[in-house]
Amino acid sequence: MNEKPLVSVITPFYNDTKYFPVALESYFSQTYAYLEMIVIDDNSSLPASRLIPDKQKYPVKLLRLDKRLGPGGARNLGIREARGELIAFLDSDDIWMPEFINEGVKVFLEHKDAVWVYCDGYYLIYDKP
């Protein structure tokens, strides 16, 4: 594995205009610099293209499907399109801390026998008291 492997971030999208901008911002806030994002618009009635900024810190590739595959099918298509040595999944309603990718890549580089990395998470429920 390269010392700075490319990480392909796969994001299925289906009509999530409420949280997707925040997920995008958390991708653009990553401190790890070797990234690409592949957004698979799963035939939304509210296209993801409207929410992706023209100027981007890291590249974003958008694939729009003609028929729904569901999140699993969208993720599998994203994996096939990925160029990175490592794959990370960022759902359209998730948020990453800025060091998320950097810390995960460190694990892979320090532990050559690692095949996947995961972490704890927090559930944030908006609009609830």
N, C-alpha and C. Protein backbone atom coordinates (compact mmCIF):
# COMPACT_ATOMS: atom_id res chain seq x y z
N MET A 1 0.85 -1.18 0.00
CA MET A 1 0.00 0.00 0.00
C MET A 1 0.89 1.24 0.00
N ASN A 2 0.48 2.24 -0.75
CA ASN A 2 1.20 3.51 -0.78
C ASN A 2 1.22 4.16 0.61
N GLU A 3 2.21 5.00 0.84
CA GLU A 3 2.26 5.75 2.10
C GLU A 3 1.11 6.74 2.21
N LYS A 4 0.61 7.20 1.08
CA LYS A 4 -0.55 8.11 1.03
C LYS A 4 -1.56 7.52 0.05
N PRO A 5 -2.26 6.44 0.45
CA PRO A 5 -3.21 5.82 -0.47
C PRO A 5 -4.42 6.72 -0.75
N LEU A 6 -4.91 6.65 -1.97
CA LEU A 6 -6.14 7.35 -2.31
C LEU A 6 -7.30 6.63 -1.61
N VAL A 7 -8.17 7.41 -0.98
CA VAL A 7 -9.36 6.88 -0.33
C VAL A 7 -10.58 7.31 -1.15
N SER A 8 -11.35 6.33 -1.60
CA SER A 8 -12.59 6.60 -2.32
C SER A 8 -13.74 6.59 -1.33
N VAL A 9 -14.44 7.69 -1.25
CA VAL A 9 -15.58 7.86 -0.35
C VAL A 9 -16.85 7.62 -1.17
N ILE A 10 -17.62 6.63 -0.77
CA ILE A 10 -18.84 6.25 -1.49
C ILE A 10 -20.05 6.75 -0.71
N THR A 11 -20.92 7.52 -1.39
CA THR A 11 -22.10 8.09 -0.76
C THR A 11 -23.35 7.83 -1.58
N PRO A 12 -24.21 6.92 -1.13
CA PRO A 12 -25.51 6.78 -1.79
C PRO A 12 -26.39 7.98 -1.43
N PHE A 13 -27.18 8.43 -2.39
CA PHE A 13 -28.04 9.60 -2.15
C PHE A 13 -29.44 9.30 -2.70
N TYR A 14 -30.45 9.58 -1.88
CA TYR A 14 -31.83 9.51 -2.35
C TYR A 14 -32.65 10.57 -1.64
N ASN A 15 -32.88 11.69 -2.31
CA ASN A 15 -33.75 12.77 -1.83
C ASN A 15 -33.39 13.35 -0.47
N ASP A 16 -32.16 13.22 -0.03
CA ASP A 16 -31.79 13.70 1.31
C ASP A 16 -31.23 15.12 1.24
N THR A 17 -32.10 16.08 0.97
CA THR A 17 -31.63 17.46 0.87
C THR A 17 -31.40 18.09 2.24
N LYS A 18 -31.95 17.48 3.29
CA LYS A 18 -31.81 18.05 4.64
C LYS A 18 -30.41 17.84 5.21
N TYR A 19 -29.87 16.63 5.11
CA TYR A 19 -28.60 16.33 5.77
C TYR A 19 -27.41 16.24 4.82
N PHE A 20 -27.65 15.99 3.55
CA PHE A 20 -26.56 15.80 2.60
C PHE A 20 -25.56 16.98 2.57
N PRO A 21 -26.01 18.23 2.61
CA PRO A 21 -25.03 19.33 2.64
C PRO A 21 -24.06 19.25 3.82
N VAL A 22 -24.54 18.77 4.97
CA VAL A 22 -23.67 18.64 6.15
C VAL A 22 -22.70 17.48 5.95
N ALA A 23 -23.17 16.38 5.36
CA ALA A 23 -22.27 15.25 5.05
C ALA A 23 -21.18 15.71 4.08
N LEU A 24 -21.55 16.46 3.05
CA LEU A 24 -20.57 17.00 2.11
C LEU A 24 -19.54 17.87 2.82
N GLU A 25 -20.00 18.74 3.69
CA GLU A 25 -19.08 19.63 4.41
C GLU A 25 -18.12 18.81 5.26
N SER A 26 -18.59 17.72 5.86
CA SER A 26 -17.68 16.90 6.67
C SER A 26 -16.65 16.20 5.79
N TYR A 27 -17.00 15.86 4.56
CA TYR A 27 -16.04 15.31 3.60
C TYR A 27 -15.00 16.37 3.24
N PHE A 28 -15.46 17.58 2.90
CA PHE A 28 -14.53 18.66 2.53
C PHE A 28 -13.67 19.11 3.71
N SER A 29 -14.07 18.80 4.94
CA SER A 29 -13.32 19.20 6.13
C SER A 29 -12.25 18.21 6.54
N GLN A 30 -12.12 17.11 5.82
CA GLN A 30 -11.13 16.09 6.17
C GLN A 30 -9.71 16.65 6.09
N THR A 31 -8.87 16.26 7.04
CA THR A 31 -7.47 16.68 7.04
C THR A 31 -6.61 15.80 6.14
N TYR A 32 -7.09 14.63 5.79
CA TYR A 32 -6.38 13.73 4.88
C TYR A 32 -6.65 14.23 3.46
N ALA A 33 -5.59 14.38 2.67
CA ALA A 33 -5.71 15.09 1.39
C ALA A 33 -5.94 14.21 0.16
N TYR A 34 -5.78 12.92 0.26
CA TYR A 34 -5.85 12.06 -0.93
C TYR A 34 -7.21 11.37 -0.97
N LEU A 35 -8.20 12.12 -1.45
CA LEU A 35 -9.59 11.68 -1.41
C LEU A 35 -10.28 11.87 -2.76
N GLU A 36 -11.24 11.03 -3.00
CA GLU A 36 -12.24 11.25 -4.04
C GLU A 36 -13.57 10.82 -3.47
N MET A 37 -14.62 11.49 -3.87
CA MET A 37 -15.96 11.11 -3.43
C MET A 37 -16.77 10.71 -4.65
N ILE A 38 -17.51 9.62 -4.50
CA ILE A 38 -18.42 9.19 -5.54
C ILE A 38 -19.81 9.19 -4.94
N VAL A 39 -20.66 10.09 -5.44
CA VAL A 39 -22.05 10.19 -4.99
C VAL A 39 -22.91 9.47 -6.02
N ILE A 40 -23.68 8.51 -5.56
CA ILE A 40 -24.57 7.78 -6.44
C ILE A 40 -25.99 8.25 -6.15
N ASP A 41 -26.52 9.07 -7.06
CA ASP A 41 -27.88 9.56 -6.94
C ASP A 41 -28.81 8.45 -7.41
N ASP A 42 -29.52 7.85 -6.48
CA ASP A 42 -30.33 6.66 -6.72
C ASP A 42 -31.70 7.03 -7.29
N ASN A 43 -31.68 7.78 -8.41
CA ASN A 43 -32.88 8.21 -9.11
C ASN A 43 -33.78 9.07 -8.23
N SER A 44 -33.18 10.05 -7.59
CA SER A 44 -33.92 10.96 -6.72
C SER A 44 -34.85 11.86 -7.52
N SER A 45 -35.93 12.28 -6.89
CA SER A 45 -36.77 13.32 -7.48
C SER A 45 -36.18 14.69 -7.15
N LEU A 46 -35.30 14.74 -6.15
CA LEU A 46 -34.57 15.96 -5.77
C LEU A 46 -33.10 15.69 -6.02
N PRO A 47 -32.59 15.98 -7.23
CA PRO A 47 -31.23 15.55 -7.61
C PRO A 47 -30.12 16.09 -6.71
N ALA A 48 -29.15 15.23 -6.45
CA ALA A 48 -27.98 15.60 -5.65
C ALA A 48 -27.16 16.69 -6.33
N SER A 49 -27.21 16.76 -7.65
CA SER A 49 -26.40 17.74 -8.39
C SER A 49 -26.68 19.17 -7.94
N ARG A 50 -27.91 19.44 -7.48
CA ARG A 50 -28.25 20.79 -7.00
C ARG A 50 -27.51 21.14 -5.72
N LEU A 51 -27.02 20.15 -4.99
CA LEU A 51 -26.44 20.39 -3.67
C LEU A 51 -24.91 20.33 -3.65
N ILE A 52 -24.30 19.90 -4.73
CA ILE A 52 -22.84 19.78 -4.79
C ILE A 52 -22.26 21.10 -5.27
N PRO A 53 -21.38 21.72 -4.49
CA PRO A 53 -20.83 23.02 -4.89
C PRO A 53 -19.94 22.91 -6.12
N ASP A 54 -19.87 24.01 -6.88
CA ASP A 54 -19.00 24.04 -8.07
C ASP A 54 -17.53 23.96 -7.68
N LYS A 55 -17.15 24.69 -6.64
CA LYS A 55 -15.76 24.68 -6.17
C LYS A 55 -15.66 23.69 -5.02
N GLN A 56 -14.67 22.80 -5.12
CA GLN A 56 -14.55 21.73 -4.14
C GLN A 56 -13.11 21.58 -3.68
N LYS A 57 -12.93 21.33 -2.40
CA LYS A 57 -11.60 21.08 -1.86
C LYS A 57 -11.06 19.74 -2.34
N TYR A 58 -11.92 18.73 -2.40
CA TYR A 58 -11.58 17.39 -2.91
C TYR A 58 -12.58 17.04 -4.00
N PRO A 59 -12.19 16.18 -4.95
CA PRO A 59 -13.09 15.90 -6.06
C PRO A 59 -14.35 15.13 -5.66
N VAL A 60 -15.43 15.44 -6.37
CA VAL A 60 -16.71 14.74 -6.21
C VAL A 60 -17.17 14.32 -7.59
N LYS A 61 -17.39 13.01 -7.75
CA LYS A 61 -17.93 12.46 -8.98
C LYS A 61 -19.38 12.09 -8.70
N LEU A 62 -20.29 12.51 -9.57
CA LEU A 62 -21.71 12.23 -9.38
C LEU A 62 -22.18 11.26 -10.45
N LEU A 63 -22.81 10.17 -10.03
CA LEU A 63 -23.43 9.21 -10.94
C LEU A 63 -24.93 9.23 -10.65
N ARG A 64 -25.73 9.48 -11.66
CA ARG A 64 -27.18 9.49 -11.48
C ARG A 64 -27.77 8.25 -12.14
N LEU A 65 -28.50 7.46 -11.36
CA LEU A 65 -29.08 6.23 -11.86
C LEU A 65 -30.44 6.48 -12.51
N ASP A 66 -30.75 5.69 -13.54
CA ASP A 66 -32.04 5.79 -14.22
C ASP A 66 -33.14 5.02 -13.48
N LYS A 67 -32.73 4.04 -12.67
CA LYS A 67 -33.70 3.32 -11.86
C LYS A 67 -33.08 3.04 -10.50
N ARG A 68 -33.92 2.93 -9.49
CA ARG A 68 -33.45 2.77 -8.11
C ARG A 68 -32.80 1.41 -7.91
N LEU A 69 -31.66 1.43 -7.24
CA LEU A 69 -30.97 0.20 -6.83
C LEU A 69 -31.03 0.00 -5.32
N GLY A 70 -31.40 1.04 -4.58
CA GLY A 70 -31.36 1.00 -3.13
C GLY A 70 -29.95 1.29 -2.66
N PRO A 71 -29.76 1.50 -1.34
CA PRO A 71 -28.44 1.89 -0.84
C PRO A 71 -27.35 0.86 -1.10
N GLY A 72 -27.67 -0.43 -0.98
CA GLY A 72 -26.66 -1.47 -1.21
C GLY A 72 -26.21 -1.49 -2.66
N GLY A 73 -27.15 -1.44 -3.58
CA GLY A 73 -26.82 -1.42 -5.00
C GLY A 73 -26.02 -0.18 -5.37
N ALA A 74 -26.41 0.97 -4.79
CA ALA A 74 -25.68 2.21 -5.04
C ALA A 74 -24.25 2.12 -4.51
N ARG A 75 -24.07 1.56 -3.32
CA ARG A 75 -22.72 1.39 -2.77
C ARG A 75 -21.88 0.48 -3.66
N ASN A 76 -22.46 -0.63 -4.13
CA ASN A 76 -21.72 -1.55 -4.99
C ASN A 76 -21.29 -0.88 -6.29
N LEU A 77 -22.16 -0.07 -6.88
CA LEU A 77 -21.78 0.68 -8.08
C LEU A 77 -20.65 1.64 -7.76
N GLY A 78 -20.73 2.32 -6.62
CA GLY A 78 -19.67 3.23 -6.21
C GLY A 78 -18.34 2.53 -6.07
N ILE A 79 -18.34 1.34 -5.49
CA ILE A 79 -17.11 0.56 -5.34
C ILE A 79 -16.52 0.24 -6.71
N ARG A 80 -17.36 -0.14 -7.67
CA ARG A 80 -16.86 -0.46 -9.01
C ARG A 80 -16.24 0.76 -9.70
N GLU A 81 -16.75 1.95 -9.38
CA GLU A 81 -16.24 3.19 -9.98
C GLU A 81 -15.02 3.75 -9.25
N ALA A 82 -14.75 3.26 -8.06
CA ALA A 82 -13.69 3.81 -7.20
C ALA A 82 -12.30 3.56 -7.79
N ARG A 83 -11.43 4.55 -7.61
CA ARG A 83 -10.04 4.43 -8.02
C ARG A 83 -9.10 4.22 -6.84
N GLY A 84 -9.60 4.40 -5.63
CA GLY A 84 -8.76 4.37 -4.44
C GLY A 84 -8.34 2.98 -4.01
N GLU A 85 -7.24 2.95 -3.25
CA GLU A 85 -6.79 1.71 -2.62
C GLU A 85 -7.66 1.35 -1.42
N LEU A 86 -8.28 2.36 -0.83
CA LEU A 86 -9.15 2.16 0.32
C LEU A 86 -10.53 2.74 0.01
N ILE A 87 -11.55 2.14 0.60
CA ILE A 87 -12.94 2.57 0.42
C ILE A 87 -13.48 3.00 1.78
N ALA A 88 -14.21 4.11 1.79
CA ALA A 88 -14.91 4.56 2.99
C ALA A 88 -16.35 4.88 2.60
N PHE A 89 -17.29 4.55 3.48
CA PHE A 89 -18.69 4.84 3.21
C PHE A 89 -19.14 6.01 4.07
N LEU A 90 -19.68 7.02 3.41
CA LEU A 90 -20.26 8.18 4.09
C LEU A 90 -21.70 8.30 3.60
N ASP A 91 -22.65 7.89 4.42
CA ASP A 91 -24.05 8.01 4.00
C ASP A 91 -24.44 9.48 3.97
N SER A 92 -25.48 9.78 3.22
CA SER A 92 -25.87 11.18 3.01
C SER A 92 -26.40 11.85 4.27
N ASP A 93 -26.67 11.07 5.32
CA ASP A 93 -27.13 11.66 6.57
C ASP A 93 -26.12 11.47 7.70
N ASP A 94 -24.87 11.23 7.34
CA ASP A 94 -23.80 11.05 8.33
C ASP A 94 -22.85 12.24 8.33
N ILE A 95 -22.11 12.38 9.41
CA ILE A 95 -21.12 13.44 9.56
C ILE A 95 -19.83 12.82 10.06
N TRP A 96 -18.72 13.20 9.47
CA TRP A 96 -17.40 12.76 9.92
C TRP A 96 -16.69 13.90 10.64
N MET A 97 -15.94 13.56 11.68
CA MET A 97 -15.04 14.52 12.29
C MET A 97 -13.86 14.72 11.33
N PRO A 98 -13.18 15.86 11.39
CA PRO A 98 -12.12 16.17 10.41
C PRO A 98 -10.99 15.15 10.32
N GLU A 99 -10.67 14.44 11.40
CA GLU A 99 -9.57 13.48 11.40
C GLU A 99 -10.01 12.05 11.06
N PHE A 100 -11.27 11.85 10.72
CA PHE A 100 -11.81 10.50 10.54
C PHE A 100 -11.00 9.68 9.53
N ILE A 101 -10.82 10.16 8.34
CA ILE A 101 -10.09 9.41 7.31
C ILE A 101 -8.62 9.28 7.68
N ASN A 102 -8.02 10.33 8.16
CA ASN A 102 -6.61 10.30 8.55
C ASN A 102 -6.35 9.20 9.58
N GLU A 103 -7.19 9.09 10.58
CA GLU A 103 -7.02 8.07 11.62
C GLU A 103 -7.22 6.66 11.07
N GLY A 104 -8.21 6.49 10.19
CA GLY A 104 -8.43 5.18 9.59
C GLY A 104 -7.27 4.74 8.72
N VAL A 105 -6.73 5.65 7.92
CA VAL A 105 -5.59 5.32 7.06
C VAL A 105 -4.38 4.95 7.91
N LYS A 106 -4.17 5.66 9.03
CA LYS A 106 -3.06 5.32 9.93
C LYS A 106 -3.13 3.88 10.40
N VAL A 107 -4.32 3.41 10.71
CA VAL A 107 -4.48 2.02 11.16
C VAL A 107 -4.04 1.06 10.06
N PHE A 108 -4.47 1.31 8.84
CA PHE A 108 -4.08 0.43 7.73
C PHE A 108 -2.57 0.45 7.49
N LEU A 109 -1.95 1.61 7.62
CA LEU A 109 -0.51 1.71 7.39
C LEU A 109 0.30 1.08 8.51
N GLU A 110 -0.20 1.15 9.75
CA GLU A 110 0.52 0.59 10.90
C GLU A 110 0.26 -0.90 11.09
N HIS A 111 -0.86 -1.40 10.62
CA HIS A 111 -1.25 -2.80 10.81
C HIS A 111 -1.50 -3.43 9.43
N LYS A 112 -0.45 -3.95 8.84
CA LYS A 112 -0.51 -4.48 7.48
C LYS A 112 -1.52 -5.61 7.32
N ASP A 113 -1.89 -6.27 8.42
CA ASP A 113 -2.85 -7.37 8.33
C ASP A 113 -4.31 -6.90 8.46
N ALA A 114 -4.53 -5.61 8.69
CA ALA A 114 -5.89 -5.07 8.81
C ALA A 114 -6.60 -5.14 7.47
N VAL A 115 -7.85 -5.57 7.49
CA VAL A 115 -8.64 -5.63 6.26
C VAL A 115 -9.81 -4.65 6.28
N TRP A 116 -10.22 -4.20 7.48
CA TRP A 116 -11.22 -3.16 7.59
C TRP A 116 -11.09 -2.46 8.94
N VAL A 117 -11.59 -1.24 8.98
CA VAL A 117 -11.51 -0.41 10.18
C VAL A 117 -12.90 0.17 10.44
N TYR A 118 -13.29 0.22 11.69
CA TYR A 118 -14.55 0.86 12.04
C TYR A 118 -14.35 1.66 13.31
N CYS A 119 -15.35 2.45 13.66
CA CYS A 119 -15.26 3.27 14.87
C CYS A 119 -16.63 3.38 15.51
N ASP A 120 -16.64 3.90 16.70
CA ASP A 120 -17.90 4.21 17.36
C ASP A 120 -18.53 5.43 16.68
N GLY A 121 -19.78 5.65 16.97
CA GLY A 121 -20.47 6.81 16.42
C GLY A 121 -21.43 7.38 17.43
N TYR A 122 -21.93 8.53 17.11
CA TYR A 122 -22.95 9.19 17.92
C TYR A 122 -24.20 9.33 17.08
N TYR A 123 -25.35 9.18 17.69
CA TYR A 123 -26.61 9.43 17.00
C TYR A 123 -27.06 10.83 17.35
N LEU A 124 -27.23 11.64 16.33
CA LEU A 124 -27.74 13.00 16.50
C LEU A 124 -29.13 13.03 15.90
N ILE A 125 -30.10 13.34 16.70
CA ILE A 125 -31.47 13.40 16.20
C ILE A 125 -31.92 14.85 16.25
N TYR A 126 -32.06 15.43 15.08
CA TYR A 126 -32.48 16.82 15.01
C TYR A 126 -34.00 16.92 15.20
N ASP A 127 -34.44 18.09 15.56
CA ASP A 127 -35.86 18.40 15.73
C ASP A 127 -36.50 17.56 16.84
N LYS A 128 -35.72 17.08 17.79
CA LYS A 128 -36.26 16.36 18.94
C LYS A 128 -35.84 17.10 20.20
N PRO A 129 -36.72 17.15 21.21
CA PRO A 129 -36.33 17.85 22.46
C PRO A 129 -35.25 17.10 23.21
